[in-house]
Amino acid sequence: MTSGLTNESDIYRIKAELLLKQHSANGAEAERRRRSAIKKAPEQDAKSAELRATLNLAWLLASRGRRDEARVSIVEIYNWLTEGFDTDLKDAKALLDELSNLL
């Protein structure tokens, strides 16, 4: 599994973050880049990067009132990951719980 910032998925994700920091109106482009990060991660066997990108996408979707879509995106990867309850997975669980409680 690829780790750190050595994969394209993380680069797409970070570019999305920078776009949002520049201006909140960049949300559509940030969403597109986050989805690109999620799509690229499996090509690089980078589940951790895929989880980070999915979390970032879910936070963006939730902040834009798209909570159901955010929850579904997290559930898919969370259910796939069956080991390694590291920080990213704990963050996914916390956000998933929060989004589920808001329904």
Foldseek 3Di string as FASTA:
>chain_A
DDDDPPDPLVVLQVVLVVQCVVDVVCLVVSLVSLVVSLVRCVVVVHLVSNLVSLQSNLVSCVVVVNLVVSLVSLVVSLVVDDDDCDPSNVSSVVSNVVSVVVD
